[in-house]
């Protein structure tokens, strides 16, 4: 399953891990995703994987 937000489309960011000796290896920063049941824009409730920034901004409403 891809690490991607269902609302904004945020995915992993790529970069380098640099050690004290300046050895460079590839790494990924993963988005902080939460699995939840919610609605987007007043639609039907469904299971979503949403980043916490969208959840905090109120772009998604939780279904009780």
PDB file of N, CA and C in Angstrom:
ATOM      1  N   UNK A   1       0.842  -1.179   0.000  1.00  0.00           N
ATOM      2  CA  UNK A   1       0.000   0.000   0.000  1.00  0.00           C
ATOM      3  C   UNK A   1       0.887   1.243   0.000  1.00  0.00           C
ATOM      4  N   UNK A   2       0.622   2.189  -0.907  1.00  0.00           N
ATOM      5  CA  UNK A   2       1.488   3.364  -0.978  1.00  0.00           C
ATOM      6  C   UNK A   2       1.316   4.266   0.236  1.00  0.00           C
ATOM      7  N   UNK A   3       2.390   4.877   0.636  1.00  0.00           N
ATOM      8  CA  UNK A   3       2.370   5.815   1.754  1.00  0.00           C
ATOM      9  C   UNK A   3       1.976   7.187   1.208  1.00  0.00           C
ATOM     10  N   UNK A   4       0.685   7.369   0.928  1.00  0.00           N
ATOM     11  CA  UNK A   4       0.209   8.607   0.329  1.00  0.00           C
ATOM     12  C   UNK A   4      -1.091   9.033   0.985  1.00  0.00           C
ATOM     13  N   UNK A   5      -1.228  10.329   1.248  1.00  0.00           N
ATOM     14  CA  UNK A   5      -2.441  10.871   1.854  1.00  0.00           C
ATOM     15  C   UNK A   5      -3.554  10.861   0.813  1.00  0.00           C
ATOM     16  N   UNK A   6      -4.762  10.412   1.217  1.00  0.00           N
ATOM     17  CA  UNK A   6      -5.898  10.358   0.298  1.00  0.00           C
ATOM     18  C   UNK A   6      -6.487  11.730   0.016  1.00  0.00           C
ATOM     19  N   UNK A   7      -6.175  12.737   0.828  1.00  0.00           N
ATOM     20  CA  UNK A   7      -6.754  14.066   0.651  1.00  0.00           C
ATOM     21  C   UNK A   7      -5.827  14.971  -0.153  1.00  0.00           C
ATOM     22  N   UNK A   8      -4.605  15.153   0.324  1.00  0.00           N
ATOM     23  CA  UNK A   8      -3.696  16.115  -0.324  1.00  0.00           C
ATOM     24  C   UNK A   8      -2.674  15.448  -1.234  1.00  0.00           C
ATOM     25  N   UNK A   9      -2.505  14.124  -1.130  1.00  0.00           N
ATOM     26  CA  UNK A   9      -1.564  13.425  -1.992  1.00  0.00           C
ATOM     27  C   UNK A   9      -0.124  13.472  -1.516  1.00  0.00           C
ATOM     28  N   UNK A  10       0.085  13.904  -0.266  1.00  0.00           N
ATOM     29  CA  UNK A  10       1.450  13.970   0.264  1.00  0.00           C
ATOM     30  C   UNK A  10       2.041  12.563   0.346  1.00  0.00           C
ATOM     31  N   UNK A  11       3.275  12.403  -0.100  1.00  0.00           N
ATOM     32  CA  UNK A  11       3.959  11.120  -0.075  1.00  0.00           C
ATOM     33  C   UNK A  11       5.332  11.259   0.543  1.00  0.00           C
ATOM     34  N   UNK A  12       6.157  10.214   0.426  1.00  0.00           N
ATOM     35  CA  UNK A  12       7.481  10.272   1.022  1.00  0.00           C
ATOM     36  C   UNK A  12       8.378  11.303   0.335  1.00  0.00           C
ATOM     37  N   UNK A  13       9.231  11.931   1.143  1.00  0.00           N
ATOM     38  CA  UNK A  13      10.234  12.862   0.633  1.00  0.00           C
ATOM     39  C   UNK A  13      11.571  12.135   0.639  1.00  0.00           C
ATOM     40  N   UNK A  14      12.360  12.337  -0.386  1.00  0.00           N
ATOM     41  CA  UNK A  14      13.629  11.635  -0.540  1.00  0.00           C
ATOM     42  C   UNK A  14      14.786  12.578  -0.265  1.00  0.00           C
ATOM     43  N   UNK A  15      15.857  12.029   0.301  1.00  0.00           N
ATOM     44  CA  UNK A  15      17.038  12.827   0.581  1.00  0.00           C
ATOM     45  C   UNK A  15      18.204  11.931   0.948  1.00  0.00           C
ATOM     46  N   UNK A  16      19.168  12.496   1.654  1.00  0.00           N
ATOM     47  CA  UNK A  16      20.359  11.760   2.030  1.00  0.00           C
ATOM     48  C   UNK A  16      20.553  11.784   3.539  1.00  0.00           C
ATOM     49  N   UNK A  17      21.014  10.671   4.067  1.00  0.00           N
ATOM     50  CA  UNK A  17      21.468  10.598   5.453  1.00  0.00           C
ATOM     51  C   UNK A  17      22.975  10.845   5.394  1.00  0.00           C
ATOM     52  N   UNK A  18      23.452  11.862   6.083  1.00  0.00           N
ATOM     53  CA  UNK A  18      24.867  12.216   6.015  1.00  0.00           C
ATOM     54  C   UNK A  18      25.483  12.004   7.393  1.00  0.00           C
ATOM     55  N   UNK A  19      26.475  11.131   7.467  1.00  0.00           N
ATOM     56  CA  UNK A  19      27.134  10.826   8.736  1.00  0.00           C
ATOM     57  C   UNK A  19      28.169  11.907   9.065  1.00  0.00           C
ATOM     58  N   UNK A  20      28.752  11.786  10.237  1.00  0.00           N
ATOM     59  CA  UNK A  20      29.780  12.737  10.663  1.00  0.00           C
ATOM     60  C   UNK A  20      30.984  12.700   9.721  1.00  0.00           C
ATOM     61  N   UNK A  21      31.265  11.525   9.157  1.00  0.00           N
ATOM     62  CA  UNK A  21      32.373  11.381   8.200  1.00  0.00           C
ATOM     63  C   UNK A  21      31.944  11.736   6.785  1.00  0.00           C
ATOM     64  N   UNK A  22      30.722  12.267   6.647  1.00  0.00           N
ATOM     65  CA  UNK A  22      30.133  12.688   5.377  1.00  0.00           C
ATOM     66  C   UNK A  22      29.914  11.533   4.414  1.00  0.00           C
ATOM     67  N   UNK A  23      29.638  10.335   4.965  1.00  0.00           N
ATOM     68  CA  UNK A  23      29.176   9.231   4.121  1.00  0.00           C
ATOM     69  C   UNK A  23      27.712   9.492   3.799  1.00  0.00           C
ATOM     70  N   UNK A  24      27.363   9.377   2.516  1.00  0.00           N
ATOM     71  CA  UNK A  24      26.021   9.724   2.070  1.00  0.00           C
ATOM     72  C   UNK A  24      25.272   8.461   1.662  1.00  0.00           C
ATOM     73  N   UNK A  25      24.107   8.219   2.275  1.00  0.00           N
ATOM     74  CA  UNK A  25      23.243   7.113   1.890  1.00  0.00           C
ATOM     75  C   UNK A  25      21.828   7.649   1.712  1.00  0.00           C
ATOM     76  N   UNK A  26      21.056   6.987   0.876  1.00  0.00           N
ATOM     77  CA  UNK A  26      19.696   7.428   0.584  1.00  0.00           C
ATOM     78  C   UNK A  26      18.772   7.136   1.759  1.00  0.00           C
ATOM     79  N   UNK A  27      17.784   8.004   1.967  1.00  0.00           N
ATOM     80  CA  UNK A  27      16.778   7.782   2.999  1.00  0.00           C
ATOM     81  C   UNK A  27      15.460   8.414   2.575  1.00  0.00           C
ATOM     82  N   UNK A  28      14.379   8.084   3.292  1.00  0.00           N
ATOM     83  CA  UNK A  28      13.063   8.637   2.994  1.00  0.00           C
ATOM     84  C   UNK A  28      12.436   9.189   4.271  1.00  0.00           C
ATOM     85  N   UNK A  29      11.792  10.337   4.160  1.00  0.00           N
ATOM     86  CA  UNK A  29      10.979  10.871   5.238  1.00  0.00           C
ATOM     87  C   UNK A  29       9.540  10.508   4.917  1.00  0.00           C
ATOM     88  N   UNK A  30       8.917   9.689   5.779  1.00  0.00           N
ATOM     89  CA  UNK A  30       7.562   9.220   5.526  1.00  0.00           C
ATOM     90  C   UNK A  30       6.541  10.197   6.111  1.00  0.00           C
ATOM     91  N   UNK A  31       5.403  10.403   5.427  1.00  0.00           N
ATOM     92  CA  UNK A  31       4.361  11.262   5.985  1.00  0.00           C
ATOM     93  C   UNK A  31       3.693  10.594   7.180  1.00  0.00           C
ATOM     94  N   UNK A  32       3.193  11.399   8.103  1.00  0.00           N
ATOM     95  CA  UNK A  32       2.533  10.893   9.294  1.00  0.00           C
ATOM     96  C   UNK A  32       1.072  10.606   8.953  1.00  0.00           C
ATOM     97  N   UNK A  33       0.775   9.346   8.580  1.00  0.00           N
ATOM     98  CA  UNK A  33      -0.561   8.971   8.133  1.00  0.00           C
ATOM     99  C   UNK A  33      -1.349   8.298   9.240  1.00  0.00           C
ATOM    100  N   UNK A  34      -2.672   8.541   9.233  1.00  0.00           N
ATOM    101  CA  UNK A  34      -3.593   7.954  10.185  1.00  0.00           C
ATOM    102  C   UNK A  34      -4.703   7.271   9.398  1.00  0.00           C
ATOM    103  N   UNK A  35      -5.001   5.999   9.720  1.00  0.00           N
ATOM    104  CA  UNK A  35      -6.130   5.312   9.110  1.00  0.00           C
ATOM    105  C   UNK A  35      -7.380   5.660   9.892  1.00  0.00           C
ATOM    106  N   UNK A  36      -8.427   6.109   9.182  1.00  0.00           N
ATOM    107  CA  UNK A  36      -9.642   6.525   9.854  1.00  0.00           C
ATOM    108  C   UNK A  36     -10.840   6.392   8.924  1.00  0.00           C
ATOM    109  N   UNK A  37     -12.030   6.407   9.534  1.00  0.00           N
ATOM    110  CA  UNK A  37     -13.263   6.457   8.761  1.00  0.00           C
ATOM    111  C   UNK A  37     -13.732   7.892   8.775  1.00  0.00           C
ATOM    112  N   UNK A  38     -13.904   8.481   7.595  1.00  0.00           N
ATOM    113  CA  UNK A  38     -14.301   9.882   7.550  1.00  0.00           C
ATOM    114  C   UNK A  38     -14.906  10.245   6.219  1.00  0.00           C
ATOM    115  N   UNK A  39     -15.333  11.502   6.126  1.00  0.00           N
ATOM    116  CA  UNK A  39     -15.892  12.022   4.882  1.00  0.00           C
ATOM    117  C   UNK A  39     -15.061  13.205   4.427  1.00  0.00           C
ATOM    118  N   UNK A  40     -14.978  13.353   3.112  1.00  0.00           N
ATOM    119  CA  UNK A  40     -14.267  14.478   2.515  1.00  0.00           C
ATOM    120  C   UNK A  40     -15.281  15.275   1.710  1.00  0.00           C
ATOM    121  N   UNK A  41     -15.466  16.535   2.056  1.00  0.00           N
ATOM    122  CA  UNK A  41     -16.375  17.404   1.310  1.00  0.00           C
ATOM    123  C   UNK A  41     -17.836  16.988   1.364  1.00  0.00           C
ATOM    124  N   UNK A  42     -18.289  16.416   2.466  1.00  0.00           N
ATOM    125  CA  UNK A  42     -19.697  16.053   2.613  1.00  0.00           C
ATOM    126  C   UNK A  42     -20.119  14.818   1.851  1.00  0.00           C
ATOM    127  N   UNK A  43     -19.159  14.013   1.412  1.00  0.00           N
ATOM    128  CA  UNK A  43     -19.484  12.790   0.674  1.00  0.00           C
ATOM    129  C   UNK A  43     -19.848  11.644   1.595  1.00  0.00           C
ATOM    130  N   UNK A  44     -19.888  10.438   1.039  1.00  0.00           N
ATOM    131  CA  UNK A  44     -20.208   9.259   1.840  1.00  0.00           C
ATOM    132  C   UNK A  44     -19.020   8.874   2.701  1.00  0.00           C
ATOM    133  N   UNK A  45     -19.281   8.306   3.888  1.00  0.00           N
ATOM    134  CA  UNK A  45     -18.157   7.895   4.743  1.00  0.00           C
ATOM    135  C   UNK A  45     -17.414   6.708   4.155  1.00  0.00           C
ATOM    136  N   UNK A  46     -16.099   6.753   4.244  1.00  0.00           N
ATOM    137  CA  UNK A  46     -15.273   5.639   3.782  1.00  0.00           C
ATOM    138  C   UNK A  46     -13.972   5.612   4.555  1.00  0.00           C
ATOM    139  N   UNK A  47     -13.243   4.515   4.417  1.00  0.00           N
ATOM    140  CA  UNK A  47     -11.974   4.316   5.100  1.00  0.00           C
ATOM    141  C   UNK A  47     -10.910   5.122   4.361  1.00  0.00           C
ATOM    142  N   UNK A  48     -10.187   5.980   5.090  1.00  0.00           N
ATOM    143  CA  UNK A  48      -9.188   6.866   4.488  1.00  0.00           C
ATOM    144  C   UNK A  48      -7.856   6.732   5.207  1.00  0.00           C
ATOM    145  N   UNK A  49      -6.793   7.035   4.486  1.00  0.00           N
ATOM    146  CA  UNK A  49      -5.472   7.213   5.093  1.00  0.00           C
ATOM    147  C   UNK A  49      -5.116   8.676   4.892  1.00  0.00           C
ATOM    148  N   UNK A  50      -5.106   9.424   6.000  1.00  0.00           N
ATOM    149  CA  UNK A  50      -4.996  10.869   5.950  1.00  0.00           C
ATOM    150  C   UNK A  50      -3.773  11.314   6.736  1.00  0.00           C
ATOM    151  N   UNK A  51      -3.049  12.304   6.211  1.00  0.00           N
ATOM    152  CA  UNK A  51      -1.923  12.851   6.964  1.00  0.00           C
ATOM    153  C   UNK A  51      -2.478  13.714   8.094  1.00  0.00           C
ATOM    154  N   UNK A  52      -1.726  13.838   9.163  1.00  0.00           N
ATOM    155  CA  UNK A  52      -2.207  14.551  10.344  1.00  0.00           C
ATOM    156  C   UNK A  52      -2.372  16.044  10.078  1.00  0.00           C
ATOM    157  N   UNK A  53      -1.705  16.580   9.098  1.00  0.00           N
ATOM    158  CA  UNK A  53      -1.877  17.991   8.760  1.00  0.00           C
ATOM    159  C   UNK A  53      -3.272  18.242   8.183  1.00  0.00           C
ATOM    160  N   UNK A  54      -3.754  17.349   7.321  1.00  0.00           N
ATOM    161  CA  UNK A  54      -5.115  17.479   6.778  1.00  0.00           C
ATOM    162  C   UNK A  54      -6.151  17.268   7.870  1.00  0.00           C
ATOM    163  N   UNK A  55      -5.883  16.340   8.767  1.00  0.00           N
ATOM    164  CA  UNK A  55      -6.807  16.058   9.874  1.00  0.00           C
ATOM    165  C   UNK A  55      -6.918  17.260  10.795  1.00  0.00           C
ATOM    166  N   UNK A  56      -5.795  17.892  11.103  1.00  0.00           N
ATOM    167  CA  UNK A  56      -5.778  19.047  11.992  1.00  0.00           C
ATOM    168  C   UNK A  56      -6.404  20.264  11.326  1.00  0.00           C
ATOM    169  N   UNK A  57      -6.250  20.390  10.004  1.00  0.00           N
ATOM    170  CA  UNK A  57      -6.781  21.541   9.277  1.00  0.00           C
ATOM    171  C   UNK A  57      -8.287  21.441   9.068  1.00  0.00           C
ATOM    172  N   UNK A  58      -8.888  20.288   9.366  1.00  0.00           N
ATOM    173  CA  UNK A  58     -10.323  20.137   9.236  1.00  0.00           C
ATOM    174  C   UNK A  58     -10.793  19.796   7.822  1.00  0.00           C
ATOM    175  N   UNK A  59      -9.891  19.294   6.976  1.00  0.00           N
ATOM    176  CA  UNK A  59     -10.265  18.909   5.617  1.00  0.00           C
ATOM    177  C   UNK A  59     -11.055  17.606   5.602  1.00  0.00           C
ATOM    178  N   UNK A  60     -10.992  16.866   6.717  1.00  0.00           N
ATOM    179  CA  UNK A  60     -11.687  15.592   6.843  1.00  0.00           C
ATOM    180  C   UNK A  60     -12.513  15.634   8.125  1.00  0.00           C
ATOM    181  N   UNK A  61     -13.749  15.097   8.056  1.00  0.00           N
ATOM    182  CA  UNK A  61     -14.556  14.997   9.268  1.00  0.00           C
ATOM    183  C   UNK A  61     -14.695  13.538   9.646  1.00  0.00           C
ATOM    184  N   UNK A  62     -14.531  13.248  10.935  1.00  0.00           N
ATOM    185  CA  UNK A  62     -14.620  11.876  11.429  1.00  0.00           C
ATOM    186  C   UNK A  62     -16.065  11.419  11.453  1.00  0.00           C
ATOM    187  N   UNK A  63     -16.274  10.120  11.200  1.00  0.00           N
ATOM    188  CA  UNK A  63     -17.600   9.516  11.288  1.00  0.00           C
ATOM    189  C   UNK A  63     -17.657   8.726  12.577  1.00  0.00           C
ATOM    190  N   UNK A  64     -18.683   8.980  13.381  1.00  0.00           N
ATOM    191  CA  UNK A  64     -18.807   8.295  14.671  1.00  0.00           C
ATOM    192  C   UNK A  64     -19.614   7.032  14.513  1.00  0.00           C
TER     193      UNK A  64
END
